[in-house]
Structures are given as structure tokens and as C-alpha cells.
Amino acid sequence: MSQISSVSVIFSFGMDTSHADMERVLDQFIADTAEANRLQFGGGGFPNCQGHIEPDGDHELTELDRELVKSWLEAQQEISSVKVGPVYIE
């Protein structure tokens, strides 16, 4: 039986970020960080976004995946706070 791995993700957009910019950043996050690295993001919400990252396919999430997600989110000027949990394996 294969294991399920995931990481919880919570981030908030700055107060002056437009709804269109929030959508653009979230779409870019999904395309550039999740899908480009065989990951999936489930979740959403504006201005506070909450969800989880899990592998897309038959592999486990790694600490490198977690750091990639965290680094990308922290580098976005529209995002004011980021919390990325540890890799959880069930």
C-alpha cells in the first residue's frame, strides 16, 4: 500500500493587493510551482489562502518540495505572510 504525503500551506495577500492580482499570483503558483514540479495544490481563498500540497503521481513529497513551495511564496511581493507545515506522511 502506498503512503500519502502532503504539506499544509497558509498564506495571506497584502491589504492593498487587488482581487485580479491575487488570482494571477495563485494561478502562477499553481502553474510554476505545483504543476511544474509534479505537485498538486488543493485549496484557495482571498485574501487568506489555505490548502495543501501533495504529489501528482506515484511519488512522495520531499523536504525539497516543501522548501520550493515556501521559497516561491515568500518571494512574492503581493504575499504578506506564509506558513508551510512539515511534510506529513500517512
Protein backbone atom coordinates (compact mmCIF):
# COMPACT_ATOMS: atom_id res chain seq x y z
CA MET A 1 0.00 0.00 0.00
CA SER A 2 1.43 3.39 -0.98
CA GLN A 3 1.79 6.21 1.51
CA ILE A 4 0.07 9.56 1.21
CA SER A 5 2.24 12.64 1.74
CA SER A 6 1.19 16.28 1.96
CA VAL A 7 2.11 19.70 3.32
CA SER A 8 -0.31 22.28 4.70
CA VAL A 9 0.02 25.76 3.23
CA ILE A 10 -1.42 29.03 4.54
CA PHE A 11 -0.61 32.42 3.04
CA SER A 12 -2.14 35.89 3.09
CA PHE A 13 -2.14 38.60 0.49
CA GLY A 14 -1.32 42.18 1.44
CA MET A 15 -4.21 44.55 2.14
CA ASP A 16 -3.51 46.60 -1.00
CA THR A 17 -3.49 43.60 -3.37
CA SER A 18 -6.31 43.66 -5.91
CA HIS A 19 -8.51 40.62 -6.45
CA ALA A 20 -7.16 40.32 -10.01
CA ASP A 21 -3.57 40.26 -8.69
CA MET A 22 -4.49 37.62 -6.08
CA GLU A 23 -5.95 35.42 -8.82
CA ARG A 24 -2.89 35.97 -11.01
CA VAL A 25 -0.45 35.05 -8.22
CA LEU A 26 -2.47 31.95 -7.25
CA ASP A 27 -2.64 30.81 -10.90
CA GLN A 28 1.10 31.42 -11.26
CA PHE A 29 1.79 29.48 -8.05
CA ILE A 30 -0.18 26.50 -9.34
CA ALA A 31 1.47 26.54 -12.77
CA ASP A 32 5.07 27.45 -11.87
CA THR A 33 5.45 25.73 -8.51
CA ALA A 34 2.90 22.93 -8.24
CA GLU A 35 2.29 21.60 -11.74
CA ALA A 36 5.83 22.28 -12.97
CA ASN A 37 7.15 20.05 -10.16
CA ARG A 38 4.57 17.24 -10.34
CA LEU A 39 2.66 18.58 -7.34
CA GLN A 40 -0.99 19.48 -6.78
CA PHE A 41 -2.44 22.33 -4.76
CA GLY A 42 -5.87 21.95 -3.21
CA GLY A 43 -7.39 24.96 -1.51
CA GLY A 44 -7.96 28.64 -2.03
CA GLY A 45 -9.44 31.79 -0.59
CA PHE A 46 -8.80 35.51 -0.80
CA PRO A 47 -7.18 37.38 0.90
CA ASN A 48 -6.22 34.42 3.13
CA CYS A 49 -5.46 31.27 1.20
CA GLN A 50 -5.32 27.88 2.86
CA GLY A 51 -4.77 24.45 1.39
CA HIS A 52 -2.34 21.61 0.94
CA ILE A 53 0.31 20.42 -1.48
CA GLU A 54 0.53 16.76 -2.42
CA PRO A 55 2.37 14.80 -5.11
CA ASP A 56 0.79 14.44 -8.53
CA GLY A 57 1.58 10.85 -9.38
CA ASP A 58 3.26 7.94 -7.77
CA HIS A 59 5.97 9.58 -5.66
CA GLU A 60 6.27 11.02 -2.16
CA LEU A 61 6.51 14.66 -1.25
CA THR A 62 10.00 15.60 -0.07
CA GLU A 63 11.52 18.29 2.11
CA LEU A 64 12.90 19.82 -1.12
CA ASP A 65 9.32 20.13 -2.45
CA ARG A 66 8.28 21.81 0.81
CA GLU A 67 11.17 24.29 0.62
CA LEU A 68 10.42 25.04 -3.04
CA VAL A 69 6.81 25.91 -2.19
CA LYS A 70 7.81 28.02 0.80
CA SER A 71 10.55 29.91 -1.08
CA TRP A 72 8.30 30.69 -4.03
CA LEU A 73 5.51 32.04 -1.83
CA GLU A 74 7.91 34.13 0.30
CA ALA A 75 9.40 35.70 -2.84
CA GLN A 76 6.06 37.15 -3.99
CA GLN A 77 5.69 40.82 -3.08
CA GLU A 78 1.87 40.50 -3.02
CA ILE A 79 2.02 37.92 -0.21
CA SER A 80 2.40 39.28 3.31
CA SER A 81 2.67 36.08 5.36
CA VAL A 82 3.46 32.42 4.68
CA LYS A 83 3.15 29.30 6.82
CA VAL A 84 4.14 25.94 5.39
CA GLY A 85 3.82 22.91 7.63
CA PRO A 86 6.12 19.93 7.78
CA VAL A 87 5.86 17.05 5.32
CA TYR A 88 3.10 14.78 6.63
CA ILE A 89 3.17 11.11 5.64
CA GLU A 90 0.21 8.87 6.37
